[in-house]
Amino acid sequence: MPQPSQLPGPASTFWDWQLHGACRGAESAVFFHPDGERGRARAMREHRAKAICAECPVLTQCREHALSVREVYGIWGGMGESERAAAIDERSRAPRGEPRRLAS
């Protein structure tokens, strides 16, 4: 049986950054597109979501989380779905040992 000192820390410390997100309490529909949304409507919704992210004190933690767990849907850390996919692809191509760059 593992000793208490060898057990992982509380899970809440891993997620506490979310309590400080500017999106907390906002409508999730701003960050996640409805089926069939395209064109101007999608661009406007994404612009609103990214404006919220731009003022967020935990933008970096949110973005890093989304990239590390490969979030597929929504706006996370100021990045849209295609932006995250490109950043994940870029990270996977970086030679081992080179520092990872956060997409901006």
PDB file of N, CA and C in Angstrom:
ATOM      1  N   MET A   1       0.849  -1.180   0.000  1.00  0.00           N
ATOM      2  CA  MET A   1       0.000   0.000   0.000  1.00  0.00           C
ATOM      3  C   MET A   1       0.893   1.240   0.000  1.00  0.00           C
ATOM      4  N   PRO A   2       0.609   2.212  -0.883  1.00  0.00           N
ATOM      5  CA  PRO A   2       1.449   3.413  -0.943  1.00  0.00           C
ATOM      6  C   PRO A   2       1.371   4.215   0.347  1.00  0.00           C
ATOM      7  N   GLN A   3       2.492   4.801   0.680  1.00  0.00           N
ATOM      8  CA  GLN A   3       2.536   5.699   1.827  1.00  0.00           C
ATOM      9  C   GLN A   3       1.842   7.007   1.445  1.00  0.00           C
ATOM     10  N   PRO A   4       1.224   7.696   2.418  1.00  0.00           N
ATOM     11  CA  PRO A   4       0.535   8.952   2.096  1.00  0.00           C
ATOM     12  C   PRO A   4       1.425   9.961   1.370  1.00  0.00           C
ATOM     13  N   SER A   5       2.710   9.973   1.670  1.00  0.00           N
ATOM     14  CA  SER A   5       3.601  10.932   1.010  1.00  0.00           C
ATOM     15  C   SER A   5       3.816  10.594  -0.465  1.00  0.00           C
ATOM     16  N   GLN A   6       3.471   9.376  -0.885  1.00  0.00           N
ATOM     17  CA  GLN A   6       3.661   8.959  -2.269  1.00  0.00           C
ATOM     18  C   GLN A   6       2.391   9.093  -3.111  1.00  0.00           C
ATOM     19  N   LEU A   7       1.298   9.430  -2.476  1.00  0.00           N
ATOM     20  CA  LEU A   7       0.043   9.557  -3.201  1.00  0.00           C
ATOM     21  C   LEU A   7       0.003  10.885  -3.953  1.00  0.00           C
ATOM     22  N   PRO A   8      -0.707  10.928  -5.067  1.00  0.00           N
ATOM     23  CA  PRO A   8      -0.804  12.200  -5.797  1.00  0.00           C
ATOM     24  C   PRO A   8      -1.525  13.247  -4.961  1.00  0.00           C
ATOM     25  N   GLY A   9      -1.252  14.497  -5.258  1.00  0.00           N
ATOM     26  CA  GLY A   9      -1.900  15.597  -4.547  1.00  0.00           C
ATOM     27  C   GLY A   9      -3.378  15.669  -4.881  1.00  0.00           C
ATOM     28  N   PRO A  10      -4.095  16.538  -4.193  1.00  0.00           N
ATOM     29  CA  PRO A  10      -5.529  16.668  -4.463  1.00  0.00           C
ATOM     30  C   PRO A  10      -5.779  17.098  -5.905  1.00  0.00           C
ATOM     31  N   ALA A  11      -6.800  16.538  -6.497  1.00  0.00           N
ATOM     32  CA  ALA A  11      -7.125  16.869  -7.888  1.00  0.00           C
ATOM     33  C   ALA A  11      -7.512  18.337  -8.036  1.00  0.00           C
ATOM     34  N   SER A  12      -8.038  18.926  -6.985  1.00  0.00           N
ATOM     35  CA  SER A  12      -8.491  20.315  -7.097  1.00  0.00           C
ATOM     36  C   SER A  12      -7.353  21.257  -7.459  1.00  0.00           C
ATOM     37  N   THR A  13      -6.136  20.961  -7.011  1.00  0.00           N
ATOM     38  CA  THR A  13      -5.028  21.859  -7.343  1.00  0.00           C
ATOM     39  C   THR A  13      -4.744  21.843  -8.841  1.00  0.00           C
ATOM     40  N   PHE A  14      -5.070  20.749  -9.498  1.00  0.00           N
ATOM     41  CA  PHE A  14      -4.877  20.638 -10.940  1.00  0.00           C
ATOM     42  C   PHE A  14      -5.893  21.484 -11.709  1.00  0.00           C
ATOM     43  N   TRP A  15      -7.089  21.663 -11.141  1.00  0.00           N
ATOM     44  CA  TRP A  15      -8.180  22.349 -11.828  1.00  0.00           C
ATOM     45  C   TRP A  15      -8.496  23.732 -11.273  1.00  0.00           C
ATOM     46  N   ASP A  16      -7.877  24.143 -10.200  1.00  0.00           N
ATOM     47  CA  ASP A  16      -8.231  25.407  -9.546  1.00  0.00           C
ATOM     48  C   ASP A  16      -8.140  26.618 -10.461  1.00  0.00           C
ATOM     49  N   TRP A  17      -7.290  26.589 -11.456  1.00  0.00           N
ATOM     50  CA  TRP A  17      -7.174  27.733 -12.360  1.00  0.00           C
ATOM     51  C   TRP A  17      -8.509  28.067 -13.003  1.00  0.00           C
ATOM     52  N   GLN A  18      -9.358  27.064 -13.203  1.00  0.00           N
ATOM     53  CA  GLN A  18     -10.644  27.289 -13.858  1.00  0.00           C
ATOM     54  C   GLN A  18     -11.559  28.201 -13.044  1.00  0.00           C
ATOM     55  N   LEU A  19     -11.357  28.238 -11.741  1.00  0.00           N
ATOM     56  CA  LEU A  19     -12.175  29.103 -10.888  1.00  0.00           C
ATOM     57  C   LEU A  19     -11.950  30.575 -11.190  1.00  0.00           C
ATOM     58  N   HIS A  20     -10.828  30.890 -11.810  1.00  0.00           N
ATOM     59  CA  HIS A  20     -10.463  32.281 -12.071  1.00  0.00           C
ATOM     60  C   HIS A  20     -10.676  32.690 -13.528  1.00  0.00           C
ATOM     61  N   GLY A  21     -11.244  31.807 -14.333  1.00  0.00           N
ATOM     62  CA  GLY A  21     -11.445  32.095 -15.751  1.00  0.00           C
ATOM     63  C   GLY A  21     -12.464  33.199 -15.988  1.00  0.00           C
ATOM     64  N   ALA A  22     -12.168  34.061 -16.928  1.00  0.00           N
ATOM     65  CA  ALA A  22     -13.098  35.133 -17.300  1.00  0.00           C
ATOM     66  C   ALA A  22     -14.388  34.554 -17.881  1.00  0.00           C
ATOM     67  N   CYS A  23     -14.331  33.329 -18.359  1.00  0.00           N
ATOM     68  CA  CYS A  23     -15.499  32.679 -18.948  1.00  0.00           C
ATOM     69  C   CYS A  23     -16.427  32.068 -17.899  1.00  0.00           C
ATOM     70  N   ARG A  24     -15.954  31.990 -16.680  1.00  0.00           N
ATOM     71  CA  ARG A  24     -16.759  31.372 -15.614  1.00  0.00           C
ATOM     72  C   ARG A  24     -18.089  32.110 -15.488  1.00  0.00           C
ATOM     73  N   GLY A  25     -19.160  31.390 -15.642  1.00  0.00           N
ATOM     74  CA  GLY A  25     -20.488  31.981 -15.564  1.00  0.00           C
ATOM     75  C   GLY A  25     -21.023  32.471 -16.902  1.00  0.00           C
ATOM     76  N   ALA A  26     -20.175  32.508 -17.921  1.00  0.00           N
ATOM     77  CA  ALA A  26     -20.628  32.936 -19.255  1.00  0.00           C
ATOM     78  C   ALA A  26     -21.377  31.787 -19.929  1.00  0.00           C
ATOM     79  N   GLU A  27     -22.187  32.129 -20.890  1.00  0.00           N
ATOM     80  CA  GLU A  27     -22.912  31.118 -21.659  1.00  0.00           C
ATOM     81  C   GLU A  27     -21.924  30.262 -22.448  1.00  0.00           C
ATOM     82  N   SER A  28     -22.035  28.960 -22.328  1.00  0.00           N
ATOM     83  CA  SER A  28     -21.120  28.080 -23.064  1.00  0.00           C
ATOM     84  C   SER A  28     -21.318  28.202 -24.573  1.00  0.00           C
ATOM     85  N   ALA A  29     -22.494  28.648 -25.005  1.00  0.00           N
ATOM     86  CA  ALA A  29     -22.765  28.804 -26.434  1.00  0.00           C
ATOM     87  C   ALA A  29     -21.840  29.822 -27.092  1.00  0.00           C
ATOM     88  N   VAL A  30     -21.239  30.711 -26.305  1.00  0.00           N
ATOM     89  CA  VAL A  30     -20.286  31.669 -26.866  1.00  0.00           C
ATOM     90  C   VAL A  30     -19.004  30.948 -27.272  1.00  0.00           C
ATOM     91  N   PHE A  31     -18.649  29.894 -26.564  1.00  0.00           N
ATOM     92  CA  PHE A  31     -17.373  29.205 -26.763  1.00  0.00           C
ATOM     93  C   PHE A  31     -17.480  27.941 -27.616  1.00  0.00           C
ATOM     94  N   PHE A  32     -18.689  27.419 -27.788  1.00  0.00           N
ATOM     95  CA  PHE A  32     -18.893  26.180 -28.542  1.00  0.00           C
ATOM     96  C   PHE A  32     -19.960  26.404 -29.604  1.00  0.00           C
ATOM     97  N   HIS A  33     -19.629  26.088 -30.851  1.00  0.00           N
ATOM     98  CA  HIS A  33     -20.551  26.360 -31.955  1.00  0.00           C
ATOM     99  C   HIS A  33     -21.705  25.371 -32.010  1.00  0.00           C
ATOM    100  N   PRO A  34     -22.878  25.866 -32.382  1.00  0.00           N
ATOM    101  CA  PRO A  34     -23.996  24.951 -32.610  1.00  0.00           C
ATOM    102  C   PRO A  34     -23.805  24.231 -33.944  1.00  0.00           C
ATOM    103  N   ASP A  35     -24.487  23.120 -34.105  1.00  0.00           N
ATOM    104  CA  ASP A  35     -24.411  22.375 -35.364  1.00  0.00           C
ATOM    105  C   ASP A  35     -24.775  23.283 -36.529  1.00  0.00           C
ATOM    106  N   GLY A  36     -23.995  23.212 -37.569  1.00  0.00           N
ATOM    107  CA  GLY A  36     -24.288  23.928 -38.797  1.00  0.00           C
ATOM    108  C   GLY A  36     -23.878  25.393 -38.821  1.00  0.00           C
ATOM    109  N   GLU A  37     -23.300  25.893 -37.740  1.00  0.00           N
ATOM    110  CA  GLU A  37     -22.902  27.305 -37.733  1.00  0.00           C
ATOM    111  C   GLU A  37     -21.725  27.504 -38.682  1.00  0.00           C
ATOM    112  N   ARG A  38     -21.829  28.543 -39.524  1.00  0.00           N
ATOM    113  CA  ARG A  38     -20.780  28.813 -40.505  1.00  0.00           C
ATOM    114  C   ARG A  38     -20.666  30.307 -40.746  1.00  0.00           C
ATOM    115  N   GLY A  39     -19.656  30.646 -41.505  1.00  0.00           N
ATOM    116  CA  GLY A  39     -19.508  32.002 -42.017  1.00  0.00           C
ATOM    117  C   GLY A  39     -19.472  33.097 -40.967  1.00  0.00           C
ATOM    118  N   ARG A  40     -20.210  34.161 -41.270  1.00  0.00           N
ATOM    119  CA  ARG A  40     -20.197  35.364 -40.441  1.00  0.00           C
ATOM    120  C   ARG A  40     -20.657  35.091 -39.005  1.00  0.00           C
ATOM    121  N   ALA A  41     -21.695  34.277 -38.842  1.00  0.00           N
ATOM    122  CA  ALA A  41     -22.203  33.979 -37.497  1.00  0.00           C
ATOM    123  C   ALA A  41     -21.119  33.307 -36.653  1.00  0.00           C
ATOM    124  N   ARG A  42     -20.424  32.368 -37.249  1.00  0.00           N
ATOM    125  CA  ARG A  42     -19.360  31.674 -36.514  1.00  0.00           C
ATOM    126  C   ARG A  42     -18.206  32.621 -36.203  1.00  0.00           C
ATOM    127  N   ALA A  43     -17.818  33.420 -37.169  1.00  0.00           N
ATOM    128  CA  ALA A  43     -16.716  34.366 -36.964  1.00  0.00           C
ATOM    129  C   ALA A  43     -17.048  35.361 -35.855  1.00  0.00           C
ATOM    130  N   MET A  44     -18.279  35.838 -35.821  1.00  0.00           N
ATOM    131  CA  MET A  44     -18.681  36.798 -34.784  1.00  0.00           C
ATOM    132  C   MET A  44     -18.691  36.156 -33.400  1.00  0.00           C
ATOM    133  N   ARG A  45     -19.211  34.928 -33.315  1.00  0.00           N
ATOM    134  CA  ARG A  45     -19.241  34.230 -32.026  1.00  0.00           C
ATOM    135  C   ARG A  45     -17.821  33.978 -31.541  1.00  0.00           C
ATOM    136  N   GLU A  46     -16.946  33.515 -32.429  1.00  0.00           N
ATOM    137  CA  GLU A  46     -15.557  33.260 -32.041  1.00  0.00           C
ATOM    138  C   GLU A  46     -14.859  34.549 -31.616  1.00  0.00           C
ATOM    139  N   HIS A  47     -15.160  35.646 -32.290  1.00  0.00           N
ATOM    140  CA  HIS A  47     -14.571  36.935 -31.921  1.00  0.00           C
ATOM    141  C   HIS A  47     -14.994  37.321 -30.498  1.00  0.00           C
ATOM    142  N   ARG A  48     -16.277  37.133 -30.169  1.00  0.00           N
ATOM    143  CA  ARG A  48     -16.761  37.431 -28.806  1.00  0.00           C
ATOM    144  C   ARG A  48     -16.055  36.555 -27.779  1.00  0.00           C
ATOM    145  N   ALA A  49     -15.925  35.270 -28.081  1.00  0.00           N
ATOM    146  CA  ALA A  49     -15.272  34.349 -27.147  1.00  0.00           C
ATOM    147  C   ALA A  49     -13.809  34.733 -26.938  1.00  0.00           C
ATOM    148  N   LYS A  50     -13.123  35.035 -28.020  1.00  0.00           N
ATOM    149  CA  LYS A  50     -11.702  35.382 -27.922  1.00  0.00           C
ATOM    150  C   LYS A  50     -11.497  36.710 -27.206  1.00  0.00           C
ATOM    151  N   ALA A  51     -12.466  37.618 -27.296  1.00  0.00           N
ATOM    152  CA  ALA A  51     -12.384  38.882 -26.557  1.00  0.00           C
ATOM    153  C   ALA A  51     -12.461  38.617 -25.057  1.00  0.00           C
ATOM    154  N   ILE A  52     -13.286  37.668 -24.652  1.00  0.00           N
ATOM    155  CA  ILE A  52     -13.359  37.278 -23.237  1.00  0.00           C
ATOM    156  C   ILE A  52     -12.027  36.663 -22.820  1.00  0.00           C
ATOM    157  N   CYS A  53     -11.504  35.782 -23.646  1.00  0.00           N
ATOM    158  CA  CYS A  53     -10.222  35.135 -23.346  1.00  0.00           C
ATOM    159  C   CYS A  53      -9.088  36.155 -23.223  1.00  0.00           C
ATOM    160  N   ALA A  54      -9.114  37.174 -24.053  1.00  0.00           N
ATOM    161  CA  ALA A  54      -8.031  38.165 -24.059  1.00  0.00           C
ATOM    162  C   ALA A  54      -7.904  38.883 -22.721  1.00  0.00           C
ATOM    163  N   GLU A  55      -8.990  38.955 -21.967  1.00  0.00           N
ATOM    164  CA  GLU A  55      -8.988  39.625 -20.664  1.00  0.00           C
ATOM    165  C   GLU A  55      -8.819  38.637 -19.508  1.00  0.00           C
ATOM    166  N   CYS A  56      -8.607  37.390 -19.814  1.00  0.00           N
ATOM    167  CA  CYS A  56      -8.616  36.337 -18.796  1.00  0.00           C
ATOM    168  C   CYS A  56      -7.273  36.202 -18.076  1.00  0.00           C
ATOM    169  N   PRO A  57      -7.314  36.152 -16.739  1.00  0.00           N
ATOM    170  CA  PRO A  57      -6.070  36.005 -15.983  1.00  0.00           C
ATOM    171  C   PRO A  57      -5.451  34.610 -16.079  1.00  0.00           C
ATOM    172  N   VAL A  58      -6.210  33.625 -16.550  1.00  0.00           N
ATOM    173  CA  VAL A  58      -5.675  32.261 -16.644  1.00  0.00           C
ATOM    174  C   VAL A  58      -5.616  31.777 -18.095  1.00  0.00           C
ATOM    175  N   LEU A  59      -5.487  32.708 -19.025  1.00  0.00           N
ATOM    176  CA  LEU A  59      -5.441  32.364 -20.444  1.00  0.00           C
ATOM    177  C   LEU A  59      -4.354  31.329 -20.731  1.00  0.00           C
ATOM    178  N   THR A  60      -3.167  31.532 -20.193  1.00  0.00           N
ATOM    179  CA  THR A  60      -2.052  30.621 -20.471  1.00  0.00           C
ATOM    180  C   THR A  60      -2.339  29.221 -19.948  1.00  0.00           C
ATOM    181  N   GLN A  61      -2.856  29.111 -18.731  1.00  0.00           N
ATOM    182  CA  GLN A  61      -3.167  27.792 -18.172  1.00  0.00           C
ATOM    183  C   GLN A  61      -4.260  27.107 -18.989  1.00  0.00           C
ATOM    184  N   CYS A  62      -5.257  27.867 -19.396  1.00  0.00           N
ATOM    185  CA  CYS A  62      -6.355  27.325 -20.188  1.00  0.00           C
ATOM    186  C   CYS A  62      -5.845  26.812 -21.533  1.00  0.00           C
ATOM    187  N   ARG A  63      -5.031  27.622 -22.186  1.00  0.00           N
ATOM    188  CA  ARG A  63      -4.477  27.234 -23.491  1.00  0.00           C
ATOM    189  C   ARG A  63      -3.615  25.988 -23.359  1.00  0.00           C
ATOM    190  N   GLU A  64      -2.759  25.968 -22.361  1.00  0.00           N
ATOM    191  CA  GLU A  64      -1.870  24.819 -22.176  1.00  0.00           C
ATOM    192  C   GLU A  64      -2.678  23.555 -21.885  1.00  0.00           C
ATOM    193  N   HIS A  65      -3.723  23.691 -21.076  1.00  0.00           N
ATOM    194  CA  HIS A  65      -4.597  22.547 -20.799  1.00  0.00           C
ATOM    195  C   HIS A  65      -5.209  22.022 -22.099  1.00  0.00           C
ATOM    196  N   ALA A  66      -5.779  22.933 -22.889  1.00  0.00           N
ATOM    197  CA  ALA A  66      -6.441  22.523 -24.130  1.00  0.00           C
ATOM    198  C   ALA A  66      -5.479  21.839 -25.091  1.00  0.00           C
ATOM    199  N   LEU A  67      -4.262  22.346 -25.165  1.00  0.00           N
ATOM    200  CA  LEU A  67      -3.268  21.733 -26.046  1.00  0.00           C
ATOM    201  C   LEU A  67      -2.808  20.385 -25.503  1.00  0.00           C
ATOM    202  N   SER A  68      -2.619  20.287 -24.199  1.00  0.00           N
ATOM    203  CA  SER A  68      -2.096  19.039 -23.631  1.00  0.00           C
ATOM    204  C   SER A  68      -3.113  17.904 -23.679  1.00  0.00           C
ATOM    205  N   VAL A  69      -4.401  18.216 -23.540  1.00  0.00           N
ATOM    206  CA  VAL A  69      -5.413  17.156 -23.611  1.00  0.00           C
ATOM    207  C   VAL A  69      -6.053  17.064 -24.994  1.00  0.00           C
ATOM    208  N   ARG A  70      -5.550  17.897 -25.907  1.00  0.00           N
ATOM    209  CA  ARG A  70      -6.010  17.897 -27.298  1.00  0.00           C
ATOM    210  C   ARG A  70      -7.522  18.124 -27.410  1.00  0.00           C
ATOM    211  N   GLU A  71      -7.974  19.197 -26.751  1.00  0.00           N
ATOM    212  CA  GLU A  71      -9.388  19.582 -26.847  1.00  0.00           C
ATOM    213  C   GLU A  71      -9.743  19.757 -28.317  1.00  0.00           C
ATOM    214  N   VAL A  72     -10.823  19.155 -28.727  1.00  0.00           N
ATOM    215  CA  VAL A  72     -11.221  19.197 -30.125  1.00  0.00           C
ATOM    216  C   VAL A  72     -12.183  20.354 -30.399  1.00  0.00           C
ATOM    217  N   TYR A  73     -13.079  20.623 -29.471  1.00  0.00           N
ATOM    218  CA  TYR A  73     -14.152  21.581 -29.723  1.00  0.00           C
ATOM    219  C   TYR A  73     -14.024  22.845 -28.894  1.00  0.00           C
ATOM    220  N   GLY A  74     -14.496  23.945 -29.454  1.00  0.00           N
ATOM    221  CA  GLY A  74     -14.643  25.185 -28.714  1.00  0.00           C
ATOM    222  C   GLY A  74     -13.439  26.099 -28.746  1.00  0.00           C
ATOM    223  N   ILE A  75     -13.617  27.236 -28.082  1.00  0.00           N
ATOM    224  CA  ILE A  75     -12.555  28.219 -27.912  1.00  0.00           C
ATOM    225  C   ILE A  75     -11.960  27.978 -26.530  1.00  0.00           C
ATOM    226  N   TRP A  76     -10.678  27.745 -26.480  1.00  0.00           N
ATOM    227  CA  TRP A  76      -9.952  27.506 -25.223  1.00  0.00           C
ATOM    228  C   TRP A  76      -8.681  28.335 -25.255  1.00  0.00           C
ATOM    229  N   GLY A  77      -8.451  29.109 -24.219  1.00  0.00           N
ATOM    230  CA  GLY A  77      -7.222  29.891 -24.149  1.00  0.00           C
ATOM    231  C   GLY A  77      -7.047  30.831 -25.327  1.00  0.00           C
ATOM    232  N   GLY A  78      -8.154  31.321 -25.850  1.00  0.00           N
ATOM    233  CA  GLY A  78      -8.094  32.249 -26.970  1.00  0.00           C
ATOM    234  C   GLY A  78      -7.825  31.607 -28.315  1.00  0.00           C
ATOM    235  N   MET A  79      -7.863  30.290 -28.371  1.00  0.00           N
ATOM    236  CA  MET A  79      -7.589  29.580 -29.626  1.00  0.00           C
ATOM    237  C   MET A  79      -8.828  28.821 -30.088  1.00  0.00           C
ATOM    238  N   GLY A  80      -9.075  28.897 -31.390  1.00  0.00           N
ATOM    239  CA  GLY A  80     -10.153  28.134 -31.988  1.00  0.00           C
ATOM    240  C   GLY A  80      -9.700  26.718 -32.319  1.00  0.00           C
ATOM    241  N   GLU A  81     -10.623  25.942 -32.831  1.00  0.00           N
ATOM    242  CA  GLU A  81     -10.360  24.533 -33.117  1.00  0.00           C
ATOM    243  C   GLU A  81      -9.222  24.340 -34.117  1.00  0.00           C
ATOM    244  N   SER A  82      -9.238  25.070 -35.215  1.00  0.00           N
ATOM    245  CA  SER A  82      -8.189  24.896 -36.224  1.00  0.00           C
ATOM    246  C   SER A  82      -6.848  25.433 -35.730  1.00  0.00           C
ATOM    247  N   GLU A  83      -6.877  26.493 -34.921  1.00  0.00           N
ATOM    248  CA  GLU A  83      -5.631  27.039 -34.363  1.00  0.00           C
ATOM    249  C   GLU A  83      -4.975  26.033 -33.417  1.00  0.00           C
ATOM    250  N   ARG A  84      -5.796  25.380 -32.595  1.00  0.00           N
ATOM    251  CA  ARG A  84      -5.248  24.363 -31.687  1.00  0.00           C
ATOM    252  C   ARG A  84      -4.708  23.176 -32.460  1.00  0.00           C
ATOM    253  N   ALA A  85      -5.438  22.750 -33.473  1.00  0.00           N
ATOM    254  CA  ALA A  85      -4.976  21.607 -34.275  1.00  0.00           C
ATOM    255  C   ALA A  85      -3.620  21.918 -34.901  1.00  0.00           C
ATOM    256  N   ALA A  86      -3.454  23.134 -35.408  1.00  0.00           N
ATOM    257  CA  ALA A  86      -2.173  23.527 -36.013  1.00  0.00           C
ATOM    258  C   ALA A  86      -1.067  23.575 -34.963  1.00  0.00           C
ATOM    259  N   ALA A  87      -1.369  24.090 -33.773  1.00  0.00           N
ATOM    260  CA  ALA A  87      -0.364  24.170 -32.705  1.00  0.00           C
ATOM    261  C   ALA A  87       0.040  22.776 -32.235  1.00  0.00           C
ATOM    262  N   ILE A  88      -0.925  21.880 -32.127  1.00  0.00           N
ATOM    263  CA  ILE A  88      -0.629  20.501 -31.715  1.00  0.00           C
ATOM    264  C   ILE A  88       0.234  19.828 -32.773  1.00  0.00           C
ATOM    265  N   ASP A  89      -0.091  20.044 -34.038  1.00  0.00           N
ATOM    266  CA  ASP A  89       0.697  19.480 -35.129  1.00  0.00           C
ATOM    267  C   ASP A  89       2.124  20.022 -35.090  1.00  0.00           C
ATOM    268  N   GLU A  90       2.260  21.325 -34.870  1.00  0.00           N
ATOM    269  CA  GLU A  90       3.589  21.944 -34.797  1.00  0.00           C
ATOM    270  C   GLU A  90       4.394  21.368 -33.634  1.00  0.00           C
ATOM    271  N   ARG A  91       3.743  21.194 -32.496  1.00  0.00           N
ATOM    272  CA  ARG A  91       4.430  20.620 -31.328  1.00  0.00           C
ATOM    273  C   ARG A  91       4.897  19.203 -31.611  1.00  0.00           C
ATOM    274  N   SER A  92       4.068  18.436 -32.298  1.00  0.00           N
ATOM    275  CA  SER A  92       4.431  17.040 -32.550  1.00  0.00           C
ATOM    276  C   SER A  92       5.595  16.927 -33.529  1.00  0.00           C
ATOM    277  N   ARG A  93       5.812  17.956 -34.343  1.00  0.00           N
ATOM    278  CA  ARG A  93       6.921  17.947 -35.302  1.00  0.00           C
ATOM    279  C   ARG A  93       8.225  18.451 -34.702  1.00  0.00           C
ATOM    280  N   ALA A  94       8.160  19.165 -33.576  1.00  0.00           N
ATOM    281  CA  ALA A  94       9.367  19.727 -32.956  1.00  0.00           C
ATOM    282  C   ALA A  94      10.270  18.591 -32.494  1.00  0.00           C
ATOM    283  N   PRO A  95      11.555  18.674 -32.804  1.00  0.00           N
ATOM    284  CA  PRO A  95      12.488  17.645 -32.339  1.00  0.00           C
ATOM    285  C   PRO A  95      12.491  17.569 -30.813  1.00  0.00           C
ATOM    286  N   ARG A  96      12.661  16.376 -30.313  1.00  0.00           N
ATOM    287  CA  ARG A  96      12.711  16.197 -28.855  1.00  0.00           C
ATOM    288  C   ARG A  96      13.857  17.012 -28.285  1.00  0.00           C
ATOM    289  N   GLY A  97      13.607  17.576 -27.115  1.00  0.00           N
ATOM    290  CA  GLY A  97      14.634  18.357 -26.453  1.00  0.00           C
ATOM    291  C   GLY A  97      14.563  19.837 -26.770  1.00  0.00           C
ATOM    292  N   GLU A  98      13.888  20.192 -27.877  1.00  0.00           N
ATOM    293  CA  GLU A  98      13.724  21.613 -28.185  1.00  0.00           C
ATOM    294  C   GLU A  98      12.570  22.148 -27.360  1.00  0.00           C
ATOM    295  N   PRO A  99      12.693  23.389 -26.910  1.00  0.00           N
ATOM    296  CA  PRO A  99      11.597  23.947 -26.113  1.00  0.00           C
ATOM    297  C   PRO A  99      10.322  24.052 -26.936  1.00  0.00           C
ATOM    298  N   ARG A 100       9.205  23.772 -26.271  1.00  0.00           N
ATOM    299  CA  ARG A 100       7.914  23.899 -26.933  1.00  0.00           C
ATOM    300  C   ARG A 100       7.490  25.354 -26.907  1.00  0.00           C
ATOM    301  N   ARG A 101       6.945  25.801 -28.011  1.00  0.00           N
ATOM    302  CA  ARG A 101       6.438  27.165 -28.076  1.00  0.00           C
ATOM    303  C   ARG A 101       4.923  27.129 -27.991  1.00  0.00           C
ATOM    304  N   LEU A 102       4.378  28.024 -27.185  1.00  0.00           N
ATOM    305  CA  LEU A 102       2.934  28.184 -27.147  1.00  0.00           C
ATOM    306  C   LEU A 102       2.524  28.998 -28.353  1.00  0.00           C
ATOM    307  N   ALA A 103       1.505  28.557 -29.044  1.00  0.00           N
ATOM    308  CA  ALA A 103       0.988  29.361 -30.149  1.00  0.00           C
ATOM    309  C   ALA A 103       0.383  30.624 -29.571  1.00  0.00           C
ATOM    310  N   SER A 104       0.541  31.710 -30.280  1.00  0.00           N
ATOM    311  CA  SER A 104      -0.032  32.962 -29.761  1.00  0.00           C
ATOM    312  C   SER A 104      -1.151  33.463 -30.621  1.00  0.00           C
TER     313      SER A 104
END
